[in-house]
Amino acid sequence: MLEGSKAIFANATSSVIVEGDNALVIEELKSIGPSKSKLANIATDTRNYLRMLPGFEIRKINRTANKAAHALAKFARLGSSGSVFSNYVPPCVLGQIHRDCKDMSDFVA
C-alpha cells in the first residue's frame, strides 16, 4: 500500500479510495495513535501520503468483493513486474476486471 500511495500521490486529482482485504493492515492504516505493530512505520508513511490526497478513504472489503484486486496482487507477487500498475492491466487479469464490473452493475441503479 505504501508504494501504491506514492504512485497515487503523484497522479491523483480526485477522491481516492484504498481498499484492502487484510483486516490487520486496514486497522493499522486507520489507527491514529502510536502503535507497537511491526507495520507501524510503513503504515505511518502510507497514511502521510494518503492524507495529502483529496478526500481519501480506507476501506476493509472481503476478497470476494473484489477478485480483480486480488488477481492483480497475486500477479505482482508472482511476477517481476513490481507492485504498482499505472495505465496498464495485465491481460491475464482483464477478464476478472470485466466480471467484477458486471457484478457491480447489479448494485447500481
PDB file of N, CA and C in Angstrom:
ATOM      1  N   MET A   1       0.815  -1.197   0.000  1.00  0.00           N
ATOM      2  CA  MET A   1       0.000   0.000   0.000  1.00  0.00           C
ATOM      3  C   MET A   1       0.860   1.263   0.000  1.00  0.00           C
ATOM      4  N   LEU A   2       2.026   1.187   0.596  1.00  0.00           N
ATOM      5  CA  LEU A   2       2.905   2.359   0.602  1.00  0.00           C
ATOM      6  C   LEU A   2       3.310   2.730  -0.818  1.00  0.00           C
ATOM      7  N   GLU A   3       3.755   1.747  -1.599  1.00  0.00           N
ATOM      8  CA  GLU A   3       4.167   2.034  -2.978  1.00  0.00           C
ATOM      9  C   GLU A   3       2.991   2.531  -3.801  1.00  0.00           C
ATOM     10  N   GLY A   4       1.828   1.940  -3.601  1.00  0.00           N
ATOM     11  CA  GLY A   4       0.628   2.396  -4.296  1.00  0.00           C
ATOM     12  C   GLY A   4       0.264   3.816  -3.906  1.00  0.00           C
ATOM     13  N   SER A   5       0.407   4.143  -2.618  1.00  0.00           N
ATOM     14  CA  SER A   5       0.109   5.500  -2.141  1.00  0.00           C
ATOM     15  C   SER A   5       1.035   6.520  -2.780  1.00  0.00           C
ATOM     16  N   LYS A   6       2.296   6.158  -2.923  1.00  0.00           N
ATOM     17  CA  LYS A   6       3.250   7.067  -3.577  1.00  0.00           C
ATOM     18  C   LYS A   6       2.846   7.300  -5.026  1.00  0.00           C
ATOM     19  N   ALA A   7       2.461   6.233  -5.709  1.00  0.00           N
ATOM     20  CA  ALA A   7       2.056   6.351  -7.112  1.00  0.00           C
ATOM     21  C   ALA A   7       0.768   7.161  -7.240  1.00  0.00           C
ATOM     22  N   ILE A   8      -0.166   6.924  -6.346  1.00  0.00           N
ATOM     23  CA  ILE A   8      -1.422   7.670  -6.365  1.00  0.00           C
ATOM     24  C   ILE A   8      -1.141   9.145  -6.123  1.00  0.00           C
ATOM     25  N   PHE A   9      -0.287   9.442  -5.150  1.00  0.00           N
ATOM     26  CA  PHE A   9       0.032  10.820  -4.794  1.00  0.00           C
ATOM     27  C   PHE A   9       0.538  11.593  -6.004  1.00  0.00           C
ATOM     28  N   ALA A  10       1.327  10.938  -6.807  1.00  0.00           N
ATOM     29  CA  ALA A  10       1.904  11.603  -7.978  1.00  0.00           C
ATOM     30  C   ALA A  10       0.872  11.866  -9.073  1.00  0.00           C
ATOM     31  N   ASN A  11      -0.255  11.141  -9.060  1.00  0.00           N
ATOM     32  CA  ASN A  11      -1.201  11.225 -10.171  1.00  0.00           C
ATOM     33  C   ASN A  11      -2.633  11.579  -9.798  1.00  0.00           C
ATOM     34  N   ALA A  12      -2.999  11.560  -8.523  1.00  0.00           N
ATOM     35  CA  ALA A  12      -4.398  11.738  -8.125  1.00  0.00           C
ATOM     36  C   ALA A  12      -4.873  13.171  -8.319  1.00  0.00           C
ATOM     37  N   THR A  13      -6.066  13.286  -8.852  1.00  0.00           N
ATOM     38  CA  THR A  13      -6.690  14.593  -8.998  1.00  0.00           C
ATOM     39  C   THR A  13      -8.065  14.635  -8.352  1.00  0.00           C
ATOM     40  N   SER A  14      -8.539  13.493  -7.878  1.00  0.00           N
ATOM     41  CA  SER A  14      -9.853  13.442  -7.246  1.00  0.00           C
ATOM     42  C   SER A  14      -9.794  12.501  -6.047  1.00  0.00           C
ATOM     43  N   SER A  15     -10.939  12.245  -5.454  1.00  0.00           N
ATOM     44  CA  SER A  15     -11.011  11.385  -4.272  1.00  0.00           C
ATOM     45  C   SER A  15     -10.404  10.015  -4.537  1.00  0.00           C
ATOM     46  N   VAL A  16      -9.788   9.457  -3.502  1.00  0.00           N
ATOM     47  CA  VAL A  16      -9.122   8.164  -3.614  1.00  0.00           C
ATOM     48  C   VAL A  16      -9.682   7.238  -2.542  1.00  0.00           C
ATOM     49  N   ILE A  17     -10.038   6.023  -2.947  1.00  0.00           N
ATOM     50  CA  ILE A  17     -10.480   5.007  -2.005  1.00  0.00           C
ATOM     51  C   ILE A  17      -9.466   3.877  -2.050  1.00  0.00           C
ATOM     52  N   VAL A  18      -8.866   3.592  -0.902  1.00  0.00           N
ATOM     53  CA  VAL A  18      -7.911   2.496  -0.779  1.00  0.00           C
ATOM     54  C   VAL A  18      -8.662   1.338  -0.148  1.00  0.00           C
ATOM     55  N   GLU A  19      -8.688   0.204  -0.836  1.00  0.00           N
ATOM     56  CA  GLU A  19      -9.381  -0.975  -0.331  1.00  0.00           C
ATOM     57  C   GLU A  19      -8.380  -2.080  -0.054  1.00  0.00           C
ATOM     58  N   GLY A  20      -8.644  -2.844   0.976  1.00  0.00           N
ATOM     59  CA  GLY A  20      -7.801  -3.984   1.286  1.00  0.00           C
ATOM     60  C   GLY A  20      -8.604  -5.059   1.985  1.00  0.00           C
ATOM     61  N   ASP A  21      -8.160  -6.297   1.852  1.00  0.00           N
ATOM     62  CA  ASP A  21      -8.884  -7.399   2.486  1.00  0.00           C
ATOM     63  C   ASP A  21      -8.190  -7.924   3.740  1.00  0.00           C
ATOM     64  N   ASN A  22      -7.055  -7.341   4.102  1.00  0.00           N
ATOM     65  CA  ASN A  22      -6.342  -7.763   5.298  1.00  0.00           C
ATOM     66  C   ASN A  22      -6.739  -6.841   6.450  1.00  0.00           C
ATOM     67  N   ALA A  23      -7.534  -7.377   7.385  1.00  0.00           N
ATOM     68  CA  ALA A  23      -8.083  -6.571   8.480  1.00  0.00           C
ATOM     69  C   ALA A  23      -6.993  -5.923   9.324  1.00  0.00           C
ATOM     70  N   LEU A  24      -5.893  -6.632   9.578  1.00  0.00           N
ATOM     71  CA  LEU A  24      -4.817  -6.067  10.402  1.00  0.00           C
ATOM     72  C   LEU A  24      -4.157  -4.866   9.728  1.00  0.00           C
ATOM     73  N   VAL A  25      -3.931  -4.966   8.429  1.00  0.00           N
ATOM     74  CA  VAL A  25      -3.319  -3.861   7.692  1.00  0.00           C
ATOM     75  C   VAL A  25      -4.267  -2.668   7.648  1.00  0.00           C
ATOM     76  N   ILE A  26      -5.529  -2.911   7.365  1.00  0.00           N
ATOM     77  CA  ILE A  26      -6.510  -1.826   7.300  1.00  0.00           C
ATOM     78  C   ILE A  26      -6.648  -1.153   8.661  1.00  0.00           C
ATOM     79  N   GLU A  27      -6.707  -1.942   9.709  1.00  0.00           N
ATOM     80  CA  GLU A  27      -6.792  -1.388  11.067  1.00  0.00           C
ATOM     81  C   GLU A  27      -5.576  -0.515  11.376  1.00  0.00           C
ATOM     82  N   GLU A  28      -4.407  -0.967  11.004  1.00  0.00           N
ATOM     83  CA  GLU A  28      -3.176  -0.206  11.236  1.00  0.00           C
ATOM     84  C   GLU A  28      -3.183   1.100  10.441  1.00  0.00           C
ATOM     85  N   LEU A  29      -3.670   1.058   9.198  1.00  0.00           N
ATOM     86  CA  LEU A  29      -3.723   2.269   8.380  1.00  0.00           C
ATOM     87  C   LEU A  29      -4.728   3.276   8.926  1.00  0.00           C
ATOM     88  N   LYS A  30      -5.786   2.788   9.551  1.00  0.00           N
ATOM     89  CA  LYS A  30      -6.809   3.671  10.105  1.00  0.00           C
ATOM     90  C   LYS A  30      -6.450   4.198  11.495  1.00  0.00           C
ATOM     91  N   SER A  31      -5.485   3.582  12.161  1.00  0.00           N
ATOM     92  CA  SER A  31      -5.158   3.974  13.531  1.00  0.00           C
ATOM     93  C   SER A  31      -4.610   5.396  13.570  1.00  0.00           C
ATOM     94  N   ILE A  32      -4.837   6.048  14.694  1.00  0.00           N
ATOM     95  CA  ILE A  32      -4.419   7.435  14.843  1.00  0.00           C
ATOM     96  C   ILE A  32      -3.244   7.546  15.808  1.00  0.00           C
ATOM     97  N   GLY A  33      -3.302   6.826  16.905  1.00  0.00           N
ATOM     98  CA  GLY A  33      -2.277   6.926  17.934  1.00  0.00           C
ATOM     99  C   GLY A  33      -1.054   6.086  17.626  1.00  0.00           C
ATOM    100  N   PRO A  34      -0.105   6.097  18.564  1.00  0.00           N
ATOM    101  CA  PRO A  34       1.113   5.302  18.395  1.00  0.00           C
ATOM    102  C   PRO A  34       0.792   3.804  18.372  1.00  0.00           C
ATOM    103  N   SER A  35       1.618   3.069  17.690  1.00  0.00           N
ATOM    104  CA  SER A  35       1.399   1.636  17.540  1.00  0.00           C
ATOM    105  C   SER A  35       2.693   0.888  17.810  1.00  0.00           C
ATOM    106  N   LYS A  36       2.549  -0.327  18.304  1.00  0.00           N
ATOM    107  CA  LYS A  36       3.710  -1.189  18.526  1.00  0.00           C
ATOM    108  C   LYS A  36       3.796  -2.272  17.446  1.00  0.00           C
ATOM    109  N   SER A  37       2.934  -2.177  16.457  1.00  0.00           N
ATOM    110  CA  SER A  37       2.902  -3.144  15.375  1.00  0.00           C
ATOM    111  C   SER A  37       4.193  -3.110  14.570  1.00  0.00           C
ATOM    112  N   LYS A  38       4.535  -4.258  13.989  1.00  0.00           N
ATOM    113  CA  LYS A  38       5.684  -4.314  13.079  1.00  0.00           C
ATOM    114  C   LYS A  38       5.432  -3.476  11.828  1.00  0.00           C
ATOM    115  N   LEU A  39       4.163  -3.184  11.557  1.00  0.00           N
ATOM    116  CA  LEU A  39       3.790  -2.396  10.385  1.00  0.00           C
ATOM    117  C   LEU A  39       3.730  -0.895  10.668  1.00  0.00           C
ATOM    118  N   ALA A  40       3.976  -0.483  11.903  1.00  0.00           N
ATOM    119  CA  ALA A  40       3.745   0.901  12.316  1.00  0.00           C
ATOM    120  C   ALA A  40       4.463   1.919  11.431  1.00  0.00           C
ATOM    121  N   ASN A  41       5.741   1.734  11.156  1.00  0.00           N
ATOM    122  CA  ASN A  41       6.485   2.719  10.353  1.00  0.00           C
ATOM    123  C   ASN A  41       5.969   2.799   8.922  1.00  0.00           C
ATOM    124  N   ILE A  42       5.688   1.645   8.335  1.00  0.00           N
ATOM    125  CA  ILE A  42       5.167   1.626   6.966  1.00  0.00           C
ATOM    126  C   ILE A  42       3.773   2.240   6.930  1.00  0.00           C
ATOM    127  N   ALA A  43       2.942   1.893   7.907  1.00  0.00           N
ATOM    128  CA  ALA A  43       1.582   2.435   7.966  1.00  0.00           C
ATOM    129  C   ALA A  43       1.613   3.952   8.144  1.00  0.00           C
ATOM    130  N   THR A  44       2.512   4.449   8.966  1.00  0.00           N
ATOM    131  CA  THR A  44       2.629   5.900   9.174  1.00  0.00           C
ATOM    132  C   THR A  44       3.025   6.590   7.874  1.00  0.00           C
ATOM    133  N   ASP A  45       4.005   6.049   7.170  1.00  0.00           N
ATOM    134  CA  ASP A  45       4.407   6.627   5.881  1.00  0.00           C
ATOM    135  C   ASP A  45       3.243   6.599   4.889  1.00  0.00           C
ATOM    136  N   THR A  46       2.516   5.482   4.855  1.00  0.00           N
ATOM    137  CA  THR A  46       1.377   5.352   3.942  1.00  0.00           C
ATOM    138  C   THR A  46       0.314   6.386   4.287  1.00  0.00           C
ATOM    139  N   ARG A  47      -0.034   6.504   5.569  1.00  0.00           N
ATOM    140  CA  ARG A  47      -1.031   7.498   5.997  1.00  0.00           C
ATOM    141  C   ARG A  47      -0.592   8.914   5.629  1.00  0.00           C
ATOM    142  N   ASN A  48       0.692   9.215   5.779  1.00  0.00           N
ATOM    143  CA  ASN A  48       1.177  10.557   5.438  1.00  0.00           C
ATOM    144  C   ASN A  48       0.963  10.874   3.963  1.00  0.00           C
ATOM    145  N   TYR A  49       1.206   9.908   3.093  1.00  0.00           N
ATOM    146  CA  TYR A  49       0.932  10.121   1.669  1.00  0.00           C
ATOM    147  C   TYR A  49      -0.564  10.274   1.432  1.00  0.00           C
ATOM    148  N   LEU A  50      -1.362   9.388   2.026  1.00  0.00           N
ATOM    149  CA  LEU A  50      -2.800   9.420   1.791  1.00  0.00           C
ATOM    150  C   LEU A  50      -3.433  10.710   2.296  1.00  0.00           C
ATOM    151  N   ARG A  51      -2.964  11.236   3.407  1.00  0.00           N
ATOM    152  CA  ARG A  51      -3.533  12.477   3.963  1.00  0.00           C
ATOM    153  C   ARG A  51      -3.329  13.673   3.043  1.00  0.00           C
ATOM    154  N   MET A  52      -2.367  13.596   2.167  1.00  0.00           N
ATOM    155  CA  MET A  52      -2.133  14.691   1.228  1.00  0.00           C
ATOM    156  C   MET A  52      -3.048  14.608   0.008  1.00  0.00           C
ATOM    157  N   LEU A  53      -3.798  13.527  -0.109  1.00  0.00           N
ATOM    158  CA  LEU A  53      -4.691  13.337  -1.243  1.00  0.00           C
ATOM    159  C   LEU A  53      -6.052  13.948  -0.945  1.00  0.00           C
ATOM    160  N   PRO A  54      -6.737  14.415  -1.983  1.00  0.00           N
ATOM    161  CA  PRO A  54      -8.077  14.970  -1.769  1.00  0.00           C
ATOM    162  C   PRO A  54      -9.072  13.861  -1.417  1.00  0.00           C
ATOM    163  N   GLY A  55      -9.716  13.987  -0.284  1.00  0.00           N
ATOM    164  CA  GLY A  55     -10.810  13.095   0.107  1.00  0.00           C
ATOM    165  C   GLY A  55     -10.489  11.619   0.079  1.00  0.00           C
ATOM    166  N   PHE A  56      -9.434  11.174   0.765  1.00  0.00           N
ATOM    167  CA  PHE A  56      -9.105   9.747   0.740  1.00  0.00           C
ATOM    168  C   PHE A  56      -9.927   8.974   1.773  1.00  0.00           C
ATOM    169  N   GLU A  57     -10.174   7.714   1.471  1.00  0.00           N
ATOM    170  CA  GLU A  57     -10.848   6.784   2.375  1.00  0.00           C
ATOM    171  C   GLU A  57     -10.079   5.477   2.385  1.00  0.00           C
ATOM    172  N   ILE A  58     -10.112   4.799   3.513  1.00  0.00           N
ATOM    173  CA  ILE A  58      -9.530   3.464   3.623  1.00  0.00           C
ATOM    174  C   ILE A  58     -10.669   2.526   3.996  1.00  0.00           C
ATOM    175  N   ARG A  59     -10.854   1.470   3.226  1.00  0.00           N
ATOM    176  CA  ARG A  59     -11.968   0.552   3.450  1.00  0.00           C
ATOM    177  C   ARG A  59     -11.490  -0.891   3.533  1.00  0.00           C
ATOM    178  N   LYS A  60     -12.087  -1.630   4.454  1.00  0.00           N
ATOM    179  CA  LYS A  60     -11.887  -3.087   4.537  1.00  0.00           C
ATOM    180  C   LYS A  60     -12.971  -3.724   3.701  1.00  0.00           C
ATOM    181  N   ILE A  61     -12.575  -4.577   2.783  1.00  0.00           N
ATOM    182  CA  ILE A  61     -13.537  -5.315   1.972  1.00  0.00           C
ATOM    183  C   ILE A  61     -13.166  -6.789   2.006  1.00  0.00           C
ATOM    184  N   ASN A  62     -14.123  -7.629   1.696  1.00  0.00           N
ATOM    185  CA  ASN A  62     -13.838  -9.055   1.572  1.00  0.00           C
ATOM    186  C   ASN A  62     -13.181  -9.318   0.231  1.00  0.00           C
ATOM    187  N   ARG A  63     -12.307 -10.278   0.192  1.00  0.00           N
ATOM    188  CA  ARG A  63     -11.611 -10.622  -1.049  1.00  0.00           C
ATOM    189  C   ARG A  63     -12.614 -10.964  -2.155  1.00  0.00           C
ATOM    190  N   THR A  64     -13.709 -11.614  -1.787  1.00  0.00           N
ATOM    191  CA  THR A  64     -14.697 -11.990  -2.801  1.00  0.00           C
ATOM    192  C   THR A  64     -15.392 -10.782  -3.405  1.00  0.00           C
ATOM    193  N   ALA A  65     -15.334  -9.632  -2.731  1.00  0.00           N
ATOM    194  CA  ALA A  65     -15.976  -8.429  -3.259  1.00  0.00           C
ATOM    195  C   ALA A  65     -15.146  -7.773  -4.359  1.00  0.00           C
ATOM    196  N   ASN A  66     -13.875  -8.109  -4.436  1.00  0.00           N
ATOM    197  CA  ASN A  66     -13.027  -7.517  -5.455  1.00  0.00           C
ATOM    198  C   ASN A  66     -11.965  -8.526  -5.883  1.00  0.00           C
ATOM    199  N   LYS A  67     -12.394  -9.478  -6.640  1.00  0.00           N
ATOM    200  CA  LYS A  67     -11.490 -10.529  -7.098  1.00  0.00           C
ATOM    201  C   LYS A  67     -10.423  -9.994  -8.037  1.00  0.00           C
ATOM    202  N   ALA A  68     -10.735  -8.918  -8.745  1.00  0.00           N
ATOM    203  CA  ALA A  68      -9.748  -8.337  -9.663  1.00  0.00           C
ATOM    204  C   ALA A  68      -8.542  -7.799  -8.889  1.00  0.00           C
ATOM    205  N   ALA A  69      -8.783  -7.130  -7.775  1.00  0.00           N
ATOM    206  CA  ALA A  69      -7.673  -6.612  -6.972  1.00  0.00           C
ATOM    207  C   ALA A  69      -6.822  -7.761  -6.440  1.00  0.00           C
ATOM    208  N   HIS A  70      -7.472  -8.833  -6.032  1.00  0.00           N
ATOM    209  CA  HIS A  70      -6.723  -9.999  -5.554  1.00  0.00           C
ATOM    210  C   HIS A  70      -5.881 -10.591  -6.682  1.00  0.00           C
ATOM    211  N   ALA A  71      -6.459 -10.671  -7.871  1.00  0.00           N
ATOM    212  CA  ALA A  71      -5.732 -11.214  -9.022  1.00  0.00           C
ATOM    213  C   ALA A  71      -4.535 -10.323  -9.372  1.00  0.00           C
ATOM    214  N   LEU A  72      -4.703  -8.999  -9.294  1.00  0.00           N
ATOM    215  CA  LEU A  72      -3.594  -8.088  -9.560  1.00  0.00           C
ATOM    216  C   LEU A  72      -2.480  -8.251  -8.527  1.00  0.00           C
ATOM    217  N   ALA A  73      -2.872  -8.382  -7.262  1.00  0.00           N
ATOM    218  CA  ALA A  73      -1.870  -8.565  -6.200  1.00  0.00           C
ATOM    219  C   ALA A  73      -1.117  -9.878  -6.398  1.00  0.00           C
ATOM    220  N   LYS A  74      -1.835 -10.922  -6.749  1.00  0.00           N
ATOM    221  CA  LYS A  74      -1.202 -12.220  -6.987  1.00  0.00           C
ATOM    222  C   LYS A  74      -0.246 -12.139  -8.178  1.00  0.00           C
ATOM    223  N   PHE A  75      -0.681 -11.464  -9.235  1.00  0.00           N
ATOM    224  CA  PHE A  75       0.165 -11.291 -10.415  1.00  0.00           C
ATOM    225  C   PHE A  75       1.447 -10.548 -10.039  1.00  0.00           C
ATOM    226  N   ALA A  76       1.328  -9.497  -9.230  1.00  0.00           N
ATOM    227  CA  ALA A  76       2.502  -8.717  -8.828  1.00  0.00           C
ATOM    228  C   ALA A  76       3.458  -9.548  -7.979  1.00  0.00           C
ATOM    229  N   ARG A  77       2.911 -10.374  -7.080  1.00  0.00           N
ATOM    230  CA  ARG A  77       3.769 -11.204  -6.223  1.00  0.00           C
ATOM    231  C   ARG A  77       4.499 -12.274  -7.017  1.00  0.00           C
ATOM    232  N   LEU A  78       3.826 -12.861  -7.988  1.00  0.00           N
ATOM    233  CA  LEU A  78       4.410 -13.970  -8.741  1.00  0.00           C
ATOM    234  C   LEU A  78       5.351 -13.518  -9.857  1.00  0.00           C
ATOM    235  N   GLY A  79       5.130 -12.317 -10.348  1.00  0.00           N
ATOM    236  CA  GLY A  79       5.937 -11.838 -11.465  1.00  0.00           C
ATOM    237  C   GLY A  79       7.031 -10.902 -11.010  1.00  0.00           C
ATOM    238  N   SER A  80       7.722 -10.388 -11.964  1.00  0.00           N
ATOM    239  CA  SER A  80       8.786  -9.433 -11.652  1.00  0.00           C
ATOM    240  C   SER A  80       8.372  -8.031 -12.071  1.00  0.00           C
ATOM    241  N   SER A  81       7.042  -7.822 -12.146  1.00  0.00           N
ATOM    242  CA  SER A  81       6.545  -6.555 -12.669  1.00  0.00           C
ATOM    243  C   SER A  81       6.503  -5.444 -11.641  1.00  0.00           C
ATOM    244  N   GLY A  82       6.801  -5.715 -10.389  1.00  0.00           N
ATOM    245  CA  GLY A  82       6.657  -4.704  -9.356  1.00  0.00           C
ATOM    246  C   GLY A  82       5.278  -4.780  -8.756  1.00  0.00           C
ATOM    247  N   SER A  83       4.943  -3.778  -7.973  1.00  0.00           N
ATOM    248  CA  SER A  83       3.673  -3.875  -7.262  1.00  0.00           C
ATOM    249  C   SER A  83       2.688  -2.779  -7.605  1.00  0.00           C
ATOM    250  N   VAL A  84       3.033  -1.876  -8.505  1.00  0.00           N
ATOM    251  CA  VAL A  84       2.131  -0.791  -8.861  1.00  0.00           C
ATOM    252  C   VAL A  84       1.903  -0.832 -10.368  1.00  0.00           C
ATOM    253  N   PHE A  85       0.626  -0.828 -10.755  1.00  0.00           N
ATOM    254  CA  PHE A  85       0.269  -0.807 -12.167  1.00  0.00           C
ATOM    255  C   PHE A  85      -0.315   0.561 -12.480  1.00  0.00           C
ATOM    256  N   SER A  86       0.228   1.233 -13.469  1.00  0.00           N
ATOM    257  CA  SER A  86      -0.271   2.539 -13.863  1.00  0.00           C
ATOM    258  C   SER A  86      -0.553   2.513 -15.358  1.00  0.00           C
ATOM    259  N   ASN A  87      -1.801   2.753 -15.703  1.00  0.00           N
ATOM    260  CA  ASN A  87      -2.235   2.738 -17.103  1.00  0.00           C
ATOM    261  C   ASN A  87      -1.944   1.410 -17.789  1.00  0.00           C
ATOM    262  N   TYR A  88      -2.010   0.336 -17.019  1.00  0.00           N
ATOM    263  CA  TYR A  88      -1.735  -0.990 -17.576  1.00  0.00           C
ATOM    264  C   TYR A  88      -2.542  -2.025 -16.801  1.00  0.00           C
ATOM    265  N   VAL A  89      -3.159  -2.923 -17.532  1.00  0.00           N
ATOM    266  CA  VAL A  89      -3.852  -4.058 -16.922  1.00  0.00           C
ATOM    267  C   VAL A  89      -3.277  -5.317 -17.550  1.00  0.00           C
ATOM    268  N   PRO A  90      -2.694  -6.196 -16.739  1.00  0.00           N
ATOM    269  CA  PRO A  90      -2.172  -7.444 -17.305  1.00  0.00           C
ATOM    270  C   PRO A  90      -3.291  -8.221 -17.996  1.00  0.00           C
ATOM    271  N   PRO A  91      -3.045  -8.722 -19.181  1.00  0.00           N
ATOM    272  CA  PRO A  91      -4.084  -9.445 -19.916  1.00  0.00           C
ATOM    273  C   PRO A  91      -4.718 -10.592 -19.120  1.00  0.00           C
ATOM    274  N   CYS A  92      -3.941 -11.246 -18.256  1.00  0.00           N
ATOM    275  CA  CYS A  92      -4.474 -12.376 -17.508  1.00  0.00           C
ATOM    276  C   CYS A  92      -5.487 -11.944 -16.440  1.00  0.00           C
ATOM    277  N   VAL A  93      -5.590 -10.659 -16.144  1.00  0.00           N
ATOM    278  CA  VAL A  93      -6.498 -10.146 -15.114  1.00  0.00           C
ATOM    279  C   VAL A  93      -7.699  -9.433 -15.733  1.00  0.00           C
ATOM    280  N   LEU A  94      -7.605  -9.096 -16.991  1.00  0.00           N
ATOM    281  CA  LEU A  94      -8.641  -8.311 -17.659  1.00  0.00           C
ATOM    282  C   LEU A  94     -10.025  -8.951 -17.571  1.00  0.00           C
ATOM    283  N   GLY A  95     -10.102 -10.248 -17.765  1.00  0.00           N
ATOM    284  CA  GLY A  95     -11.390 -10.945 -17.684  1.00  0.00           C
ATOM    285  C   GLY A  95     -12.029 -10.792 -16.313  1.00  0.00           C
ATOM    286  N   GLN A  96     -11.226 -10.894 -15.250  1.00  0.00           N
ATOM    287  CA  GLN A  96     -11.757 -10.752 -13.894  1.00  0.00           C
ATOM    288  C   GLN A  96     -12.243  -9.328 -13.643  1.00  0.00           C
ATOM    289  N   ILE A  97     -11.557  -8.348 -14.187  1.00  0.00           N
ATOM    290  CA  ILE A  97     -11.992  -6.960 -14.040  1.00  0.00           C
ATOM    291  C   ILE A  97     -13.356  -6.778 -14.691  1.00  0.00           C
ATOM    292  N   HIS A  98     -13.543  -7.332 -15.868  1.00  0.00           N
ATOM    293  CA  HIS A  98     -14.839  -7.242 -16.548  1.00  0.00           C
ATOM    294  C   HIS A  98     -15.922  -7.943 -15.731  1.00  0.00           C
ATOM    295  N   ARG A  99     -15.612  -9.100 -15.137  1.00  0.00           N
ATOM    296  CA  ARG A  99     -16.598  -9.808 -14.311  1.00  0.00           C
ATOM    297  C   ARG A  99     -16.958  -9.000 -13.067  1.00  0.00           C
ATOM    298  N   ASP A 100     -15.947  -8.400 -12.406  1.00  0.00           N
ATOM    299  CA  ASP A 100     -16.220  -7.574 -11.220  1.00  0.00           C
ATOM    300  C   ASP A 100     -17.103  -6.384 -11.586  1.00  0.00           C
ATOM    301  N   CYS A 101     -16.820  -5.741 -12.722  1.00  0.00           N
ATOM    302  CA  CYS A 101     -17.631  -4.600 -13.150  1.00  0.00           C
ATOM    303  C   CYS A 101     -19.058  -5.028 -13.464  1.00  0.00           C
ATOM    304  N   LYS A 102     -19.210  -6.184 -14.096  1.00  0.00           N
ATOM    305  CA  LYS A 102     -20.546  -6.697 -14.397  1.00  0.00           C
ATOM    306  C   LYS A 102     -21.294  -6.995 -13.109  1.00  0.00           C
ATOM    307  N   ASP A 103     -20.620  -7.594 -12.135  1.00  0.00           N
ATOM    308  CA  ASP A 103     -21.259  -7.885 -10.848  1.00  0.00           C
ATOM    309  C   ASP A 103     -21.687  -6.596 -10.160  1.00  0.00           C
ATOM    310  N   MET A 104     -20.894  -5.538 -10.286  1.00  0.00           N
ATOM    311  CA  MET A 104     -21.239  -4.261  -9.657  1.00  0.00           C
ATOM    312  C   MET A 104     -22.456  -3.628 -10.312  1.00  0.00           C
ATOM    313  N   SER A 105     -22.686  -3.898 -11.600  1.00  0.00           N
ATOM    314  CA  SER A 105     -23.832  -3.293 -12.277  1.00  0.00           C
ATOM    315  C   SER A 105     -25.146  -3.773 -11.666  1.00  0.00           C
ATOM    316  N   ASP A 106     -25.132  -4.906 -10.975  1.00  0.00           N
ATOM    317  CA  ASP A 106     -26.327  -5.389 -10.289  1.00  0.00           C
ATOM    318  C   ASP A 106     -26.683  -4.494  -9.109  1.00  0.00           C
ATOM    319  N   PHE A 107     -25.705  -3.754  -8.568  1.00  0.00           N
ATOM    320  CA  PHE A 107     -25.937  -2.916  -7.387  1.00  0.00           C
ATOM    321  C   PHE A 107     -26.194  -1.462  -7.734  1.00  0.00           C
ATOM    322  N   VAL A 108     -25.887  -1.060  -8.957  1.00  0.00           N
ATOM    323  CA  VAL A 108     -26.041   0.337  -9.362  1.00  0.00           C
ATOM    324  C   VAL A 108     -27.345   0.486 -10.129  1.00  0.00           C
ATOM    325  N   ALA A 109     -28.134   1.454  -9.707  1.00  0.00           N
ATOM    326  CA  ALA A 109     -29.425   1.671 -10.372  1.00  0.00           C
ATOM    327  C   ALA A 109     -29.264   2.486 -11.632  1.00  0.00           C
TER     328      ALA A 109
END
